[in-house]
Amino acid sequence: MRRVDLLAQLTERVGETTAERLLHLEVESAGSLTEVRKKVGYYYPALRTKHNLPVTTLAVYLKVGLAGEGWDEYAEQEGSGEGAEAVYRVRWRYMGLPA
């Protein structure tokens, strides 16, 4: 079984309303994102189901050349070509350091 790098339960306050949320942080030093994306993509439903709280994921990529910040994703498709249909998709924010 894999383990997340850091998981914290936070209280989020918006105006007068508060709500619990999970912060999932992954720090990755792999040279390729193929397996990293799959791993992070499967963490979300497991964490959401186990804790029954919204999950915010942030990945920090150290060596893959995605400098700056943005959105990354893992998606599985059924079929190929123009007829392919996404059957599972998870997106998360990332910060990348220069390779």
PDB file of N, CA and C in Angstrom:
ATOM      1  N   MET A   1       0.834  -1.180   0.000  1.00  0.00           N
ATOM      2  CA  MET A   1       0.000   0.000   0.000  1.00  0.00           C
ATOM      3  C   MET A   1       0.882   1.248   0.000  1.00  0.00           C
ATOM      4  N   ARG A   2       0.498   2.220  -0.767  1.00  0.00           N
ATOM      5  CA  ARG A   2       1.237   3.473  -0.808  1.00  0.00           C
ATOM      6  C   ARG A   2       0.757   4.405   0.289  1.00  0.00           C
ATOM      7  N   ARG A   3       1.605   5.353   0.630  1.00  0.00           N
ATOM      8  CA  ARG A   3       1.257   6.318   1.673  1.00  0.00           C
ATOM      9  C   ARG A   3       1.449   7.730   1.136  1.00  0.00           C
ATOM     10  N   VAL A   4       0.535   8.599   1.491  1.00  0.00           N
ATOM     11  CA  VAL A   4       0.654   9.997   1.083  1.00  0.00           C
ATOM     12  C   VAL A   4       1.819  10.636   1.834  1.00  0.00           C
ATOM     13  N   ASP A   5       2.390  11.687   1.255  1.00  0.00           N
ATOM     14  CA  ASP A   5       3.518  12.366   1.897  1.00  0.00           C
ATOM     15  C   ASP A   5       3.063  13.171   3.107  1.00  0.00           C
ATOM     16  N   LEU A   6       1.972  13.920   2.960  1.00  0.00           N
ATOM     17  CA  LEU A   6       1.456  14.708   4.072  1.00  0.00           C
ATOM     18  C   LEU A   6      -0.046  14.832   3.930  1.00  0.00           C
ATOM     19  N   LEU A   7      -0.758  14.582   5.014  1.00  0.00           N
ATOM     20  CA  LEU A   7      -2.208  14.730   5.038  1.00  0.00           C
ATOM     21  C   LEU A   7      -2.570  15.467   6.316  1.00  0.00           C
ATOM     22  N   ALA A   8      -3.291  16.570   6.174  1.00  0.00           N
ATOM     23  CA  ALA A   8      -3.682  17.373   7.328  1.00  0.00           C
ATOM     24  C   ALA A   8      -5.167  17.682   7.249  1.00  0.00           C
ATOM     25  N   GLN A   9      -5.832  17.668   8.395  1.00  0.00           N
ATOM     26  CA  GLN A   9      -7.225  18.083   8.458  1.00  0.00           C
ATOM     27  C   GLN A   9      -7.260  19.526   8.927  1.00  0.00           C
ATOM     28  N   LEU A  10      -7.897  20.370   8.128  1.00  0.00           N
ATOM     29  CA  LEU A  10      -7.945  21.795   8.398  1.00  0.00           C
ATOM     30  C   LEU A  10      -9.373  22.261   8.590  1.00  0.00           C
ATOM     31  N   THR A  11      -9.523  23.373   9.279  1.00  0.00           N
ATOM     32  CA  THR A  11     -10.823  24.027   9.378  1.00  0.00           C
ATOM     33  C   THR A  11     -10.782  25.234   8.463  1.00  0.00           C
ATOM     34  N   GLU A  12     -11.686  25.235   7.508  1.00  0.00           N
ATOM     35  CA  GLU A  12     -11.766  26.308   6.529  1.00  0.00           C
ATOM     36  C   GLU A  12     -12.869  27.267   6.950  1.00  0.00           C
ATOM     37  N   ARG A  13     -12.558  28.548   6.949  1.00  0.00           N
ATOM     38  CA  ARG A  13     -13.552  29.547   7.333  1.00  0.00           C
ATOM     39  C   ARG A  13     -13.840  30.444   6.139  1.00  0.00           C
ATOM     40  N   VAL A  14     -15.112  30.529   5.789  1.00  0.00           N
ATOM     41  CA  VAL A  14     -15.562  31.445   4.749  1.00  0.00           C
ATOM     42  C   VAL A  14     -16.658  32.290   5.374  1.00  0.00           C
ATOM     43  N   GLY A  15     -16.333  33.554   5.657  1.00  0.00           N
ATOM     44  CA  GLY A  15     -17.285  34.413   6.364  1.00  0.00           C
ATOM     45  C   GLY A  15     -17.552  33.862   7.748  1.00  0.00           C
ATOM     46  N   GLU A  16     -18.808  33.607   8.050  1.00  0.00           N
ATOM     47  CA  GLU A  16     -19.206  33.060   9.358  1.00  0.00           C
ATOM     48  C   GLU A  16     -19.274  31.535   9.353  1.00  0.00           C
ATOM     49  N   THR A  17     -19.065  30.917   8.203  1.00  0.00           N
ATOM     50  CA  THR A  17     -19.198  29.469   8.068  1.00  0.00           C
ATOM     51  C   THR A  17     -17.833  28.791   8.163  1.00  0.00           C
ATOM     52  N   THR A  18     -17.780  27.676   8.876  1.00  0.00           N
ATOM     53  CA  THR A  18     -16.565  26.874   8.927  1.00  0.00           C
ATOM     54  C   THR A  18     -16.880  25.461   8.443  1.00  0.00           C
ATOM     55  N   ALA A  19     -15.874  24.825   7.877  1.00  0.00           N
ATOM     56  CA  ALA A  19     -16.034  23.454   7.396  1.00  0.00           C
ATOM     57  C   ALA A  19     -14.681  22.753   7.472  1.00  0.00           C
ATOM     58  N   GLU A  20     -14.711  21.465   7.699  1.00  0.00           N
ATOM     59  CA  GLU A  20     -13.494  20.663   7.736  1.00  0.00           C
ATOM     60  C   GLU A  20     -13.101  20.285   6.315  1.00  0.00           C
ATOM     61  N   ARG A  21     -11.797  20.170   6.083  1.00  0.00           N
ATOM     62  CA  ARG A  21     -11.261  19.825   4.773  1.00  0.00           C
ATOM     63  C   ARG A  21      -9.924  19.126   4.980  1.00  0.00           C
ATOM     64  N   LEU A  22      -9.543  18.257   4.048  1.00  0.00           N
ATOM     65  CA  LEU A  22      -8.232  17.627   4.070  1.00  0.00           C
ATOM     66  C   LEU A  22      -7.304  18.340   3.096  1.00  0.00           C
ATOM     67  N   LEU A  23      -6.050  18.515   3.493  1.00  0.00           N
ATOM     68  CA  LEU A  23      -5.005  19.004   2.606  1.00  0.00           C
ATOM     69  C   LEU A  23      -4.047  17.848   2.369  1.00  0.00           C
ATOM     70  N   HIS A  24      -3.916  17.456   1.123  1.00  0.00           N
ATOM     71  CA  HIS A  24      -3.036  16.355   0.728  1.00  0.00           C
ATOM     72  C   HIS A  24      -1.874  16.957  -0.051  1.00  0.00           C
ATOM     73  N   LEU A  25      -0.654  16.800   0.456  1.00  0.00           N
ATOM     74  CA  LEU A  25       0.540  17.338  -0.187  1.00  0.00           C
ATOM     75  C   LEU A  25       1.419  16.179  -0.633  1.00  0.00           C
ATOM     76  N   GLU A  26       1.813  16.198  -1.907  1.00  0.00           N
ATOM     77  CA  GLU A  26       2.736  15.197  -2.446  1.00  0.00           C
ATOM     78  C   GLU A  26       3.971  15.907  -2.977  1.00  0.00           C
ATOM     79  N   VAL A  27       5.142  15.472  -2.545  1.00  0.00           N
ATOM     80  CA  VAL A  27       6.405  15.995  -3.048  1.00  0.00           C
ATOM     81  C   VAL A  27       7.031  14.885  -3.874  1.00  0.00           C
ATOM     82  N   GLU A  28       7.237  15.152  -5.159  1.00  0.00           N
ATOM     83  CA  GLU A  28       7.702  14.118  -6.083  1.00  0.00           C
ATOM     84  C   GLU A  28       9.019  14.489  -6.733  1.00  0.00           C
ATOM     85  N   SER A  29       9.952  13.536  -6.734  1.00  0.00           N
ATOM     86  CA  SER A  29      11.249  13.769  -7.355  1.00  0.00           C
ATOM     87  C   SER A  29      11.491  12.831  -8.532  1.00  0.00           C
ATOM     88  N   ALA A  30      10.482  12.105  -8.965  1.00  0.00           N
ATOM     89  CA  ALA A  30      10.626  11.190 -10.097  1.00  0.00           C
ATOM     90  C   ALA A  30      10.944  11.987 -11.357  1.00  0.00           C
ATOM     91  N   GLY A  31      11.653  11.362 -12.294  1.00  0.00           N
ATOM     92  CA  GLY A  31      11.999  12.015 -13.546  1.00  0.00           C
ATOM     93  C   GLY A  31      10.878  12.006 -14.556  1.00  0.00           C
ATOM     94  N   SER A  32       9.831  11.203 -14.319  1.00  0.00           N
ATOM     95  CA  SER A  32       8.701  11.102 -15.236  1.00  0.00           C
ATOM     96  C   SER A  32       7.406  11.211 -14.442  1.00  0.00           C
ATOM     97  N   LEU A  33       6.386  11.781 -15.070  1.00  0.00           N
ATOM     98  CA  LEU A  33       5.111  11.957 -14.377  1.00  0.00           C
ATOM     99  C   LEU A  33       4.118  10.827 -14.609  1.00  0.00           C
ATOM    100  N   THR A  34       4.411   9.867 -15.468  1.00  0.00           N
ATOM    101  CA  THR A  34       3.448   8.828 -15.804  1.00  0.00           C
ATOM    102  C   THR A  34       2.938   8.099 -14.566  1.00  0.00           C
ATOM    103  N   GLU A  35       3.808   7.536 -13.769  1.00  0.00           N
ATOM    104  CA  GLU A  35       3.386   6.796 -12.577  1.00  0.00           C
ATOM    105  C   GLU A  35       2.961   7.734 -11.454  1.00  0.00           C
ATOM    106  N   VAL A  36       3.598   8.899 -11.372  1.00  0.00           N
ATOM    107  CA  VAL A  36       3.241   9.879 -10.346  1.00  0.00           C
ATOM    108  C   VAL A  36       1.780  10.302 -10.516  1.00  0.00           C
ATOM    109  N   ARG A  37       1.382  10.609 -11.736  1.00  0.00           N
ATOM    110  CA  ARG A  37       0.000  11.035 -11.994  1.00  0.00           C
ATOM    111  C   ARG A  37      -0.988   9.939 -11.609  1.00  0.00           C
ATOM    112  N   LYS A  38      -0.672   8.723 -11.946  1.00  0.00           N
ATOM    113  CA  LYS A  38      -1.570   7.615 -11.607  1.00  0.00           C
ATOM    114  C   LYS A  38      -1.701   7.482 -10.089  1.00  0.00           C
ATOM    115  N   LYS A  39      -0.585   7.547  -9.393  1.00  0.00           N
ATOM    116  CA  LYS A  39      -0.584   7.422  -7.928  1.00  0.00           C
ATOM    117  C   LYS A  39      -1.421   8.527  -7.292  1.00  0.00           C
ATOM    118  N   VAL A  40      -1.132   9.776  -7.653  1.00  0.00           N
ATOM    119  CA  VAL A  40      -1.863  10.908  -7.073  1.00  0.00           C
ATOM    120  C   VAL A  40      -3.334  10.834  -7.464  1.00  0.00           C
ATOM    121  N   GLY A  41      -3.616  10.417  -8.684  1.00  0.00           N
ATOM    122  CA  GLY A  41      -4.990  10.292  -9.146  1.00  0.00           C
ATOM    123  C   GLY A  41      -5.815   9.299  -8.349  1.00  0.00           C
ATOM    124  N   TYR A  42      -5.185   8.244  -7.881  1.00  0.00           N
ATOM    125  CA  TYR A  42      -5.914   7.247  -7.094  1.00  0.00           C
ATOM    126  C   TYR A  42      -5.983   7.586  -5.608  1.00  0.00           C
ATOM    127  N   TYR A  43      -5.148   8.510  -5.139  1.00  0.00           N
ATOM    128  CA  TYR A  43      -5.250   8.916  -3.741  1.00  0.00           C
ATOM    129  C   TYR A  43      -6.561   9.631  -3.452  1.00  0.00           C
ATOM    130  N   TYR A  44      -7.000  10.494  -4.378  1.00  0.00           N
ATOM    131  CA  TYR A  44      -8.186  11.321  -4.112  1.00  0.00           C
ATOM    132  C   TYR A  44      -9.408  10.504  -3.698  1.00  0.00           C
ATOM    133  N   PRO A  45      -9.872   9.518  -4.490  1.00  0.00           N
ATOM    134  CA  PRO A  45     -11.080   8.804  -4.067  1.00  0.00           C
ATOM    135  C   PRO A  45     -10.882   8.019  -2.775  1.00  0.00           C
ATOM    136  N   ALA A  46      -9.679   7.512  -2.557  1.00  0.00           N
ATOM    137  CA  ALA A  46      -9.425   6.759  -1.321  1.00  0.00           C
ATOM    138  C   ALA A  46      -9.513   7.679  -0.101  1.00  0.00           C
ATOM    139  N   LEU A  47      -8.911   8.862  -0.190  1.00  0.00           N
ATOM    140  CA  LEU A  47      -8.957   9.809   0.929  1.00  0.00           C
ATOM    141  C   LEU A  47     -10.367  10.338   1.143  1.00  0.00           C
ATOM    142  N   ARG A  48     -11.059  10.657   0.054  1.00  0.00           N
ATOM    143  CA  ARG A  48     -12.429  11.194   0.137  1.00  0.00           C
ATOM    144  C   ARG A  48     -13.358  10.181   0.787  1.00  0.00           C
ATOM    145  N   THR A  49     -13.213   8.920   0.409  1.00  0.00           N
ATOM    146  CA  THR A  49     -14.071   7.857   0.948  1.00  0.00           C
ATOM    147  C   THR A  49     -13.737   7.571   2.409  1.00  0.00           C
ATOM    148  N   LYS A  50     -12.467   7.459   2.724  1.00  0.00           N
ATOM    149  CA  LYS A  50     -12.062   7.105   4.086  1.00  0.00           C
ATOM    150  C   LYS A  50     -12.440   8.183   5.098  1.00  0.00           C
ATOM    151  N   HIS A  51     -12.252   9.458   4.750  1.00  0.00           N
ATOM    152  CA  HIS A  51     -12.457  10.540   5.710  1.00  0.00           C
ATOM    153  C   HIS A  51     -13.772  11.292   5.521  1.00  0.00           C
ATOM    154  N   ASN A  52     -14.450  11.090   4.411  1.00  0.00           N
ATOM    155  CA  ASN A  52     -15.721  11.753   4.105  1.00  0.00           C
ATOM    156  C   ASN A  52     -15.625  13.278   4.239  1.00  0.00           C
ATOM    157  N   LEU A  53     -14.511  13.826   3.717  1.00  0.00           N
ATOM    158  CA  LEU A  53     -14.280  15.267   3.722  1.00  0.00           C
ATOM    159  C   LEU A  53     -13.777  15.692   2.348  1.00  0.00           C
ATOM    160  N   PRO A  54     -14.011  16.951   1.968  1.00  0.00           N
ATOM    161  CA  PRO A  54     -13.423  17.440   0.722  1.00  0.00           C
ATOM    162  C   PRO A  54     -11.898  17.369   0.812  1.00  0.00           C
ATOM    163  N   VAL A  55     -11.243  17.124  -0.318  1.00  0.00           N
ATOM    164  CA  VAL A  55      -9.793  16.972  -0.359  1.00  0.00           C
ATOM    165  C   VAL A  55      -9.206  18.001  -1.325  1.00  0.00           C
ATOM    166  N   THR A  56      -8.225  18.756  -0.849  1.00  0.00           N
ATOM    167  CA  THR A  56      -7.446  19.637  -1.709  1.00  0.00           C
ATOM    168  C   THR A  56      -6.068  19.020  -1.838  1.00  0.00           C
ATOM    169  N   THR A  57      -5.637  18.741  -3.077  1.00  0.00           N
ATOM    170  CA  THR A  57      -4.331  18.135  -3.316  1.00  0.00           C
ATOM    171  C   THR A  57      -3.404  19.147  -3.961  1.00  0.00           C
ATOM    172  N   LEU A  58      -2.168  19.192  -3.485  1.00  0.00           N
ATOM    173  CA  LEU A  58      -1.115  19.991  -4.088  1.00  0.00           C
ATOM    174  C   LEU A  58       0.090  19.086  -4.278  1.00  0.00           C
ATOM    175  N   ALA A  59       0.585  19.003  -5.515  1.00  0.00           N
ATOM    176  CA  ALA A  59       1.786  18.227  -5.809  1.00  0.00           C
ATOM    177  C   ALA A  59       2.933  19.196  -6.066  1.00  0.00           C
ATOM    178  N   VAL A  60       4.091  18.901  -5.497  1.00  0.00           N
ATOM    179  CA  VAL A  60       5.297  19.679  -5.744  1.00  0.00           C
ATOM    180  C   VAL A  60       6.230  18.780  -6.542  1.00  0.00           C
ATOM    181  N   TYR A  61       6.487  19.157  -7.792  1.00  0.00           N
ATOM    182  CA  TYR A  61       7.341  18.381  -8.690  1.00  0.00           C
ATOM    183  C   TYR A  61       8.739  18.980  -8.683  1.00  0.00           C
ATOM    184  N   LEU A  62       9.721  18.157  -8.345  1.00  0.00           N
ATOM    185  CA  LEU A  62      11.075  18.651  -8.180  1.00  0.00           C
ATOM    186  C   LEU A  62      11.943  18.510  -9.424  1.00  0.00           C
ATOM    187  N   LYS A  63      11.688  17.494 -10.277  1.00  0.00           N
ATOM    188  CA  LYS A  63      12.648  17.211 -11.351  1.00  0.00           C
ATOM    189  C   LYS A  63      12.038  17.034 -12.747  1.00  0.00           C
ATOM    190  N   VAL A  64      10.792  17.268 -12.938  1.00  0.00           N
ATOM    191  CA  VAL A  64      10.197  16.911 -14.233  1.00  0.00           C
ATOM    192  C   VAL A  64      10.103  18.059 -15.229  1.00  0.00           C
ATOM    193  N   GLY A  65      10.522  19.252 -14.862  1.00  0.00           N
ATOM    194  CA  GLY A  65      10.526  20.343 -15.808  1.00  0.00           C
ATOM    195  C   GLY A  65       9.220  21.104 -15.930  1.00  0.00           C
ATOM    196  N   LEU A  66       8.262  20.840 -15.087  1.00  0.00           N
ATOM    197  CA  LEU A  66       7.026  21.624 -15.086  1.00  0.00           C
ATOM    198  C   LEU A  66       7.220  22.800 -14.136  1.00  0.00           C
ATOM    199  N   ALA A  67       8.006  23.761 -14.555  1.00  0.00           N
ATOM    200  CA  ALA A  67       8.283  24.915 -13.707  1.00  0.00           C
ATOM    201  C   ALA A  67       7.031  25.765 -13.556  1.00  0.00           C
ATOM    202  N   GLY A  68       6.949  26.450 -12.434  1.00  0.00           N
ATOM    203  CA  GLY A  68       5.809  27.328 -12.198  1.00  0.00           C
ATOM    204  C   GLY A  68       4.687  26.614 -11.482  1.00  0.00           C
ATOM    205  N   GLU A  69       3.465  27.021 -11.795  1.00  0.00           N
ATOM    206  CA  GLU A  69       2.311  26.409 -11.147  1.00  0.00           C
ATOM    207  C   GLU A  69       1.212  26.224 -12.174  1.00  0.00           C
ATOM    208  N   GLY A  70       0.282  25.333 -11.844  1.00  0.00           N
ATOM    209  CA  GLY A  70      -0.823  25.075 -12.758  1.00  0.00           C
ATOM    210  C   GLY A  70      -1.657  23.911 -12.295  1.00  0.00           C
ATOM    211  N   TRP A  71      -2.358  23.309 -13.223  1.00  0.00           N
ATOM    212  CA  TRP A  71      -3.196  22.155 -12.945  1.00  0.00           C
ATOM    213  C   TRP A  71      -2.619  20.940 -13.650  1.00  0.00           C
ATOM    214  N   ASP A  72      -2.663  19.794 -12.979  1.00  0.00           N
ATOM    215  CA  ASP A  72      -2.255  18.520 -13.571  1.00  0.00           C
ATOM    216  C   ASP A  72      -3.427  17.569 -13.417  1.00  0.00           C
ATOM    217  N   GLU A  73      -3.390  16.447 -14.108  1.00  0.00           N
ATOM    218  CA  GLU A  73      -4.506  15.510 -14.016  1.00  0.00           C
ATOM    219  C   GLU A  73      -4.088  14.097 -14.344  1.00  0.00           C
ATOM    220  N   TYR A  74      -4.911  13.171 -13.901  1.00  0.00           N
ATOM    221  CA  TYR A  74      -4.820  11.768 -14.277  1.00  0.00           C
ATOM    222  C   TYR A  74      -6.176  11.396 -14.850  1.00  0.00           C
ATOM    223  N   ALA A  75      -6.175  10.765 -16.016  1.00  0.00           N
ATOM    224  CA  ALA A  75      -7.431  10.372 -16.642  1.00  0.00           C
ATOM    225  C   ALA A  75      -7.297   8.984 -17.238  1.00  0.00           C
ATOM    226  N   GLU A  76      -8.365   8.216 -17.144  1.00  0.00           N
ATOM    227  CA  GLU A  76      -8.443   6.914 -17.802  1.00  0.00           C
ATOM    228  C   GLU A  76      -9.540   7.002 -18.847  1.00  0.00           C
ATOM    229  N   GLN A  77      -9.261   6.431 -20.014  1.00  0.00           N
ATOM    230  CA  GLN A  77     -10.225   6.471 -21.106  1.00  0.00           C
ATOM    231  C   GLN A  77     -10.597   5.072 -21.539  1.00  0.00           C
ATOM    232  N   GLU A  78     -11.783   4.966 -22.055  1.00  0.00           N
ATOM    233  CA  GLU A  78     -12.264   3.720 -22.635  1.00  0.00           C
ATOM    234  C   GLU A  78     -12.325   3.925 -24.135  1.00  0.00           C
ATOM    235  N   GLY A  79     -11.752   3.020 -24.883  1.00  0.00           N
ATOM    236  CA  GLY A  79     -11.705   3.171 -26.332  1.00  0.00           C
ATOM    237  C   GLY A  79     -10.474   3.953 -26.733  1.00  0.00           C
ATOM    238  N   SER A  80     -10.366   4.227 -28.035  1.00  0.00           N
ATOM    239  CA  SER A  80      -9.212   4.978 -28.519  1.00  0.00           C
ATOM    240  C   SER A  80      -9.645   5.912 -29.639  1.00  0.00           C
ATOM    241  N   GLY A  81      -8.763   6.824 -29.973  1.00  0.00           N
ATOM    242  CA  GLY A  81      -9.033   7.770 -31.047  1.00  0.00           C
ATOM    243  C   GLY A  81     -10.145   8.742 -30.691  1.00  0.00           C
ATOM    244  N   GLU A  82     -10.884   9.182 -31.706  1.00  0.00           N
ATOM    245  CA  GLU A  82     -11.957  10.152 -31.490  1.00  0.00           C
ATOM    246  C   GLU A  82     -13.113   9.590 -30.671  1.00  0.00           C
ATOM    247  N   GLY A  83     -13.277   8.276 -30.653  1.00  0.00           N
ATOM    248  CA  GLY A  83     -14.367   7.665 -29.902  1.00  0.00           C
ATOM    249  C   GLY A  83     -14.048   7.409 -28.440  1.00  0.00           C
ATOM    250  N   ALA A  84     -12.843   7.783 -28.013  1.00  0.00           N
ATOM    251  CA  ALA A  84     -12.448   7.553 -26.618  1.00  0.00           C
ATOM    252  C   ALA A  84     -13.294   8.397 -25.682  1.00  0.00           C
ATOM    253  N   GLU A  85     -13.635   7.812 -24.562  1.00  0.00           N
ATOM    254  CA  GLU A  85     -14.446   8.506 -23.572  1.00  0.00           C
ATOM    255  C   GLU A  85     -13.764   8.421 -22.218  1.00  0.00           C
ATOM    256  N   ALA A  86     -13.640   9.562 -21.525  1.00  0.00           N
ATOM    257  CA  ALA A  86     -13.042   9.578 -20.192  1.00  0.00           C
ATOM    258  C   ALA A  86     -13.999   8.912 -19.210  1.00  0.00           C
ATOM    259  N   VAL A  87     -13.506   7.911 -18.491  1.00  0.00           N
ATOM    260  CA  VAL A  87     -14.342   7.220 -17.508  1.00  0.00           C
ATOM    261  C   VAL A  87     -13.921   7.560 -16.081  1.00  0.00           C
ATOM    262  N   TYR A  88     -12.733   8.132 -15.940  1.00  0.00           N
ATOM    263  CA  TYR A  88     -12.245   8.527 -14.616  1.00  0.00           C
ATOM    264  C   TYR A  88     -11.261   9.663 -14.821  1.00  0.00           C
ATOM    265  N   ARG A  89     -11.423  10.752 -14.046  1.00  0.00           N
ATOM    266  CA  ARG A  89     -10.544  11.908 -14.190  1.00  0.00           C
ATOM    267  C   ARG A  89     -10.434  12.635 -12.851  1.00  0.00           C
ATOM    268  N   VAL A  90      -9.201  12.963 -12.474  1.00  0.00           N
ATOM    269  CA  VAL A  90      -8.940  13.715 -11.250  1.00  0.00           C
ATOM    270  C   VAL A  90      -7.943  14.810 -11.601  1.00  0.00           C
ATOM    271  N   ARG A  91      -8.203  16.032 -11.125  1.00  0.00           N
ATOM    272  CA  ARG A  91      -7.303  17.170 -11.343  1.00  0.00           C
ATOM    273  C   ARG A  91      -6.817  17.697  -9.996  1.00  0.00           C
ATOM    274  N   TRP A  92      -5.596  18.241  -9.998  1.00  0.00           N
ATOM    275  CA  TRP A  92      -5.043  18.834  -8.788  1.00  0.00           C
ATOM    276  C   TRP A  92      -4.081  19.954  -9.185  1.00  0.00           C
ATOM    277  N   ARG A  93      -3.815  20.825  -8.234  1.00  0.00           N
ATOM    278  CA  ARG A  93      -2.858  21.906  -8.462  1.00  0.00           C
ATOM    279  C   ARG A  93      -1.441  21.370  -8.281  1.00  0.00           C
ATOM    280  N   TYR A  94      -0.509  21.973  -9.028  1.00  0.00           N
ATOM    281  CA  TYR A  94       0.889  21.603  -8.843  1.00  0.00           C
ATOM    282  C   TYR A  94       1.757  22.856  -8.814  1.00  0.00           C
ATOM    283  N   MET A  95       2.917  22.683  -8.204  1.00  0.00           N
ATOM    284  CA  MET A  95       4.002  23.673  -8.254  1.00  0.00           C
ATOM    285  C   MET A  95       5.219  22.903  -8.719  1.00  0.00           C
ATOM    286  N   GLY A  96       5.887  23.416  -9.731  1.00  0.00           N
ATOM    287  CA  GLY A  96       7.058  22.737 -10.246  1.00  0.00           C
ATOM    288  C   GLY A  96       8.298  23.597 -10.127  1.00  0.00           C
ATOM    289  N   LEU A  97       9.379  22.978  -9.707  1.00  0.00           N
ATOM    290  CA  LEU A  97      10.647  23.664  -9.640  1.00  0.00           C
ATOM    291  C   LEU A  97      11.409  23.396 -10.944  1.00  0.00           C
ATOM    292  N   PRO A  98      12.245  24.309 -11.392  1.00  0.00           N
ATOM    293  CA  PRO A  98      12.969  24.082 -12.643  1.00  0.00           C
ATOM    294  C   PRO A  98      13.773  22.791 -12.579  1.00  0.00           C
ATOM    295  N   ALA A  99      13.776  22.050 -13.688  1.00  0.00           N
ATOM    296  CA  ALA A  99      14.500  20.766 -13.730  1.00  0.00           C
ATOM    297  C   ALA A  99      16.001  21.009 -13.771  1.00  0.00           C
TER     298      ALA A  99
END
